[in-house]
Amino acid sequence: MENNKVLFISQEITPYLPENSMSVLCRSLPQGIQERGKQIRTFMPRFGNINERRNQLHEVIRLSGMNLIIDDTDHPLIIKVASIQAARMQVYFIDNEDYFSRKNTIVDDDGKEFEDNDERIIFFARGVLETTKKLRWAPNVVHCQGWFTALAPLYIKKTMNDDPYFTGSKVVYSVFDDDFSNDLDSKIKEKAKLEGISDADLKVLEPANFVNLTKLAIDNSDGIIKGSENINPEIEQYIKDSGKPFLEYQTEDKYMDAYNEFYDQL
């Protein structure tokens, strides 16, 4: 099989973060797809509440060292890796002291969403794609899971559409019931812009709320998966109206083969 490389960009993976429906799926899916004969690479943010010592994370010096400029400020990209021995797979972590040193994921101790979540998702998406290129690995399918990954489809389709590592990649986006409450910084449209991205491409982010961010991801994806049994109804209707390949929610006993088949059909 030629189309056998799947890049997983995930918001949460257990055991690095607490178990929930998303983190469990993002842990099991790469292993299951690997066991079905495909090559995989898996990325997630190195959130500050991940215990590096217990999970044996270590920096990959040859992949680290690049600076990503966001809003005219340099942010060093640090890549760490850990192994899930039982699954015979590695997980790469995107790290940066400015964005991921705090001991929380999306919200602070009071449940308030971080004001720089817009820059954090820009840094994460760009960091994953630049690191994949450094690995000299050209995925056939890129599967993005969770809103924290929502800018990756845009960058693949608009900025890296001529890049030899991504030019043939099909993008799959999974929508979960992980809505955030407050709008992201209104300046995200300027901060997120890279070569190949126009104002029109980002116009949907007015305002930059969960629904519109998800619409942006859908617009730049080749196929959509309903990752949670119940998702925002406006988004579900938007997916159906788009006419794009859409995989309905799959139960635990069926999703592995269904996802694998969905990749192949794309």
Protein backbone atom coordinates (compact mmCIF):
# COMPACT_ATOMS: atom_id res chain seq x y z
CA MET A 1 0.00 0.00 0.00
CA GLU A 2 1.43 3.39 -1.00
CA ASN A 3 -0.82 5.60 1.11
CA ASN A 4 0.42 4.33 4.42
CA LYS A 5 1.74 7.31 6.40
CA VAL A 6 -0.57 8.98 8.91
CA LEU A 7 0.41 12.03 10.95
CA PHE A 8 -1.67 12.46 14.11
CA ILE A 9 -1.88 15.96 15.58
CA SER A 10 -3.71 15.63 18.89
CA GLN A 11 -4.83 17.99 21.60
CA GLU A 12 -4.69 15.44 24.40
CA ILE A 13 -3.25 11.95 24.83
CA THR A 14 -3.40 9.72 27.87
CA PRO A 15 -1.33 8.77 29.94
CA TYR A 16 0.29 12.21 29.61
CA LEU A 17 -2.99 13.98 30.43
CA PRO A 18 -6.00 12.69 32.40
CA GLU A 19 -8.33 10.22 30.75
CA ASN A 20 -11.33 11.53 28.87
CA SER A 21 -12.99 10.43 25.65
CA MET A 22 -10.60 12.46 23.48
CA SER A 23 -7.35 11.58 25.26
CA VAL A 24 -8.19 7.85 25.28
CA LEU A 25 -9.07 7.86 21.58
CA CYS A 26 -5.93 9.83 20.70
CA ARG A 27 -3.87 7.26 22.60
CA SER A 28 -5.48 4.15 21.09
CA LEU A 29 -6.00 5.30 17.50
CA PRO A 30 -2.34 5.64 16.39
CA GLN A 31 -1.53 2.22 17.83
CA GLY A 32 -4.50 0.63 16.07
CA ILE A 33 -3.65 2.28 12.76
CA GLN A 34 -0.02 1.19 13.12
CA GLU A 35 -1.17 -2.38 13.79
CA ARG A 36 -3.15 -2.18 10.53
CA GLY A 37 0.06 -1.70 8.58
CA LYS A 38 0.47 2.06 8.37
CA GLN A 39 3.40 4.18 9.51
CA ILE A 40 2.52 6.82 12.08
CA ARG A 41 3.88 9.93 13.77
CA THR A 42 2.05 11.47 16.73
CA PHE A 43 2.28 15.00 18.16
CA MET A 44 0.70 16.84 21.09
CA PRO A 45 1.45 20.02 23.09
CA ARG A 46 3.83 19.65 26.04
CA PHE A 47 1.38 21.19 28.50
CA GLY A 48 2.96 22.15 31.82
CA ASN A 49 0.93 19.68 33.86
CA ILE A 50 2.59 16.74 32.08
CA ASN A 51 5.01 15.02 34.44
CA GLU A 52 8.18 14.83 32.38
CA ARG A 53 10.10 12.61 34.78
CA ARG A 54 7.36 10.04 35.28
CA ASN A 55 6.62 9.90 31.57
CA GLN A 56 10.32 9.96 30.62
CA LEU A 57 10.18 12.89 28.23
CA HIS A 58 13.50 14.02 26.81
CA GLU A 59 14.49 16.74 24.40
CA VAL A 60 15.40 15.86 20.82
CA ILE A 61 18.29 18.27 20.25
CA ARG A 62 18.50 17.68 16.48
CA LEU A 63 14.85 18.76 16.08
CA SER A 64 14.90 21.68 18.52
CA GLY A 65 16.44 25.10 18.05
CA MET A 66 14.22 26.72 15.46
CA ASN A 67 12.53 30.04 16.27
CA LEU A 68 8.93 30.72 15.23
CA ILE A 69 7.94 34.39 14.92
CA ILE A 70 4.45 35.20 16.19
CA ASP A 71 3.30 38.81 16.45
CA ASP A 72 6.87 40.03 15.77
CA THR A 73 8.30 38.02 18.68
CA ASP A 74 10.70 35.06 18.44
CA HIS A 75 9.63 31.92 20.27
CA PRO A 76 12.10 29.01 20.47
CA LEU A 77 10.69 25.65 19.37
CA ILE A 78 11.63 22.78 21.67
CA ILE A 79 10.83 19.20 20.69
CA LYS A 80 10.57 16.43 23.26
CA VAL A 81 9.71 12.78 22.83
CA ALA A 82 8.46 9.90 24.94
CA SER A 83 7.72 6.26 24.18
CA ILE A 84 4.63 4.23 24.94
CA GLN A 85 6.34 0.88 25.22
CA ALA A 86 3.21 -1.25 25.13
CA ALA A 87 2.20 0.33 21.84
CA ARG A 88 5.70 0.47 20.35
CA MET A 89 5.10 4.09 19.42
CA GLN A 90 6.62 7.46 20.17
CA VAL A 91 4.86 10.71 20.98
CA TYR A 92 6.49 14.01 20.02
CA PHE A 93 5.78 17.06 22.17
CA ILE A 94 5.81 20.69 21.02
CA ASP A 95 7.23 22.83 23.82
CA ASN A 96 8.03 26.46 24.49
CA GLU A 97 8.62 28.20 27.80
CA ASP A 98 6.36 31.17 27.00
CA TYR A 99 3.37 29.05 26.03
CA PHE A 100 3.60 25.70 27.81
CA SER A 101 5.41 26.10 31.13
CA ARG A 102 2.24 26.90 33.14
CA LYS A 103 0.76 24.00 35.09
CA ASN A 104 -2.51 23.93 33.17
CA THR A 105 -3.73 23.11 29.70
CA ILE A 106 -6.40 25.48 28.36
CA VAL A 107 -7.61 27.31 31.47
CA ASP A 108 -6.02 28.65 34.66
CA ASP A 109 -6.71 27.51 38.22
CA ASP A 110 -9.88 29.60 38.28
CA GLY A 111 -11.21 28.05 35.08
CA LYS A 112 -10.46 31.15 33.00
CA GLU A 113 -9.17 30.49 29.50
CA PHE A 114 -5.66 31.77 28.84
CA GLU A 115 -5.61 35.04 26.92
CA ASP A 116 -2.81 33.80 24.66
CA ASN A 117 -4.54 30.59 23.57
CA ASP A 118 -4.62 32.07 20.07
CA GLU A 119 -0.82 32.28 19.95
CA ARG A 120 -0.48 28.87 21.58
CA ILE A 121 -2.49 27.15 18.84
CA ILE A 122 -0.55 29.04 16.14
CA PHE A 123 2.75 27.95 17.67
CA PHE A 124 1.58 24.35 18.10
CA ALA A 125 0.33 23.92 14.53
CA ARG A 126 3.39 25.52 12.97
CA GLY A 127 5.71 23.62 15.30
CA VAL A 128 4.24 20.26 14.32
CA LEU A 129 4.51 20.93 10.59
CA GLU A 130 8.06 22.28 10.75
CA THR A 131 9.15 19.31 12.86
CA THR A 132 7.54 16.84 10.48
CA LYS A 133 9.63 18.36 7.69
CA LYS A 134 12.76 18.06 9.84
CA LEU A 135 11.94 14.38 10.27
CA ARG A 136 11.92 14.14 6.44
CA TRP A 137 8.57 12.43 6.64
CA ALA A 138 5.79 13.06 4.10
CA PRO A 139 2.38 12.01 5.46
CA ASN A 140 -0.38 10.82 3.14
CA VAL A 141 -3.00 11.66 5.76
CA VAL A 142 -2.85 14.29 8.50
CA HIS A 143 -5.48 13.70 11.20
CA CYS A 144 -6.10 16.71 13.48
CA GLN A 145 -8.05 16.06 16.70
CA GLY A 146 -9.41 18.78 18.97
CA TRP A 147 -9.75 22.55 18.50
CA PHE A 148 -6.16 23.15 19.64
CA THR A 149 -5.13 21.64 16.28
CA ALA A 150 -7.57 23.69 14.20
CA LEU A 151 -5.02 25.87 12.39
CA ALA A 152 -2.99 22.95 11.02
CA PRO A 153 -5.38 22.31 8.08
CA LEU A 154 -5.09 25.98 7.04
CA TYR A 155 -1.29 25.91 7.06
CA ILE A 156 -1.14 22.62 5.15
CA LYS A 157 -3.55 23.73 2.44
CA LYS A 158 -2.50 27.37 2.04
CA THR A 159 1.11 27.79 3.18
CA MET A 160 2.52 24.33 2.50
CA ASN A 161 0.45 23.36 -0.53
CA ASP A 162 3.60 23.37 -2.70
CA ASP A 163 5.86 21.85 -0.05
CA PRO A 164 7.03 18.37 -1.14
CA TYR A 165 6.32 16.99 2.33
CA PHE A 166 2.66 18.09 2.34
CA THR A 167 1.63 18.68 -1.25
CA GLY A 168 -0.21 15.36 -1.50
CA SER A 169 -1.49 15.17 2.07
CA LYS A 170 -5.18 14.64 2.75
CA VAL A 171 -6.36 16.40 5.92
CA VAL A 172 -8.89 14.86 8.30
CA TYR A 173 -10.37 16.93 11.13
CA SER A 174 -12.19 15.42 14.11
CA VAL A 175 -14.80 17.59 15.82
CA PHE A 176 -15.36 16.97 19.54
CA ASP A 177 -17.66 18.47 22.16
CA ASP A 178 -14.71 20.46 23.55
CA ASP A 179 -16.14 23.96 22.96
CA PHE A 180 -14.31 26.83 24.61
CA SER A 181 -16.27 29.75 26.09
CA ASN A 182 -14.50 33.03 25.36
CA ASP A 183 -13.48 34.36 21.96
CA LEU A 184 -9.80 34.11 21.08
CA ASP A 185 -7.84 37.36 20.66
CA SER A 186 -9.33 39.34 17.77
CA LYS A 187 -5.80 39.87 16.42
CA ILE A 188 -5.51 36.16 15.64
CA LYS A 189 -6.27 36.93 11.98
CA GLU A 190 -3.07 38.97 11.74
CA LYS A 191 -0.97 36.71 13.96
CA ALA A 192 -1.93 33.53 12.11
CA LYS A 193 -1.24 34.89 8.64
CA LEU A 194 1.65 33.32 6.75
CA GLU A 195 2.66 33.21 3.10
CA GLY A 196 -0.22 31.95 0.97
CA ILE A 197 -2.91 32.94 3.47
CA SER A 198 -5.16 35.88 2.53
CA ASP A 199 -7.51 38.03 4.58
CA ALA A 200 -10.38 36.20 2.90
CA ASP A 201 -9.08 32.85 4.17
CA LEU A 202 -9.31 34.11 7.76
CA LYS A 203 -12.48 36.17 7.45
CA VAL A 204 -14.51 33.40 9.08
CA LEU A 205 -12.72 34.22 12.38
CA GLU A 206 -15.04 37.16 13.03
CA PRO A 207 -15.35 36.61 15.90
CA ALA A 208 -12.70 33.99 16.69
CA ASN A 209 -15.01 31.73 18.68
CA PHE A 210 -15.16 27.93 18.82
CA VAL A 211 -17.76 27.61 16.04
CA ASN A 212 -15.86 29.84 13.60
CA LEU A 213 -12.47 28.30 14.39
CA THR A 214 -13.96 24.88 13.70
CA LYS A 215 -15.48 26.14 10.44
CA LEU A 216 -12.02 27.32 9.38
CA ALA A 217 -10.63 23.84 10.04
CA ILE A 218 -13.51 22.22 8.12
CA ASP A 219 -13.01 24.57 5.15
CA ASN A 220 -9.40 23.42 4.83
CA SER A 221 -9.92 19.71 5.43
CA ASP A 222 -10.61 16.90 2.97
CA GLY A 223 -12.70 14.82 5.36
CA ILE A 224 -14.43 15.35 8.70
CA ILE A 225 -15.01 12.91 11.56
CA LYS A 226 -17.57 13.33 14.33
CA GLY A 227 -15.35 12.55 17.29
CA SER A 228 -17.97 12.93 20.03
CA GLU A 229 -21.46 11.47 20.09
CA ASN A 230 -22.91 14.98 20.44
CA ILE A 231 -21.28 18.05 18.90
CA ASN A 232 -22.32 21.66 18.42
CA PRO A 233 -25.42 21.49 16.17
CA GLU A 234 -24.41 24.52 14.09
CA ILE A 235 -21.09 22.85 13.30
CA GLU A 236 -22.73 19.52 12.48
CA GLN A 237 -25.02 21.25 9.99
CA TYR A 238 -22.05 23.15 8.52
CA ILE A 239 -20.21 19.87 7.93
CA LYS A 240 -23.21 18.34 6.17
CA ASP A 241 -23.74 21.46 4.05
CA SER A 242 -20.07 21.39 3.00
CA GLY A 243 -20.59 18.16 1.08
CA LYS A 244 -17.22 16.86 2.24
CA PRO A 245 -16.70 13.20 3.19
CA PHE A 246 -18.11 12.88 6.69
CA LEU A 247 -17.72 9.95 9.04
CA GLU A 248 -20.44 9.85 11.68
CA TYR A 249 -19.64 9.09 15.32
CA GLN A 250 -18.29 5.57 15.74
CA THR A 251 -18.63 3.43 18.85
CA GLU A 252 -15.56 2.08 20.61
CA ASP A 253 -15.82 -1.35 18.99
CA LYS A 254 -16.05 0.03 15.44
CA TYR A 255 -14.07 3.26 15.17
CA MET A 256 -10.63 1.78 14.49
CA ASP A 257 -11.57 -0.01 11.26
CA ALA A 258 -13.95 2.79 10.27
CA TYR A 259 -11.22 5.45 10.62
CA ASN A 260 -8.69 3.29 8.75
CA GLU A 261 -11.14 2.79 5.90
CA PHE A 262 -11.95 6.52 5.87
CA TYR A 263 -8.24 7.35 5.43
CA ASP A 264 -7.99 4.91 2.52
CA GLN A 265 -11.08 6.30 0.80
CA LEU A 266 -9.63 9.82 0.87
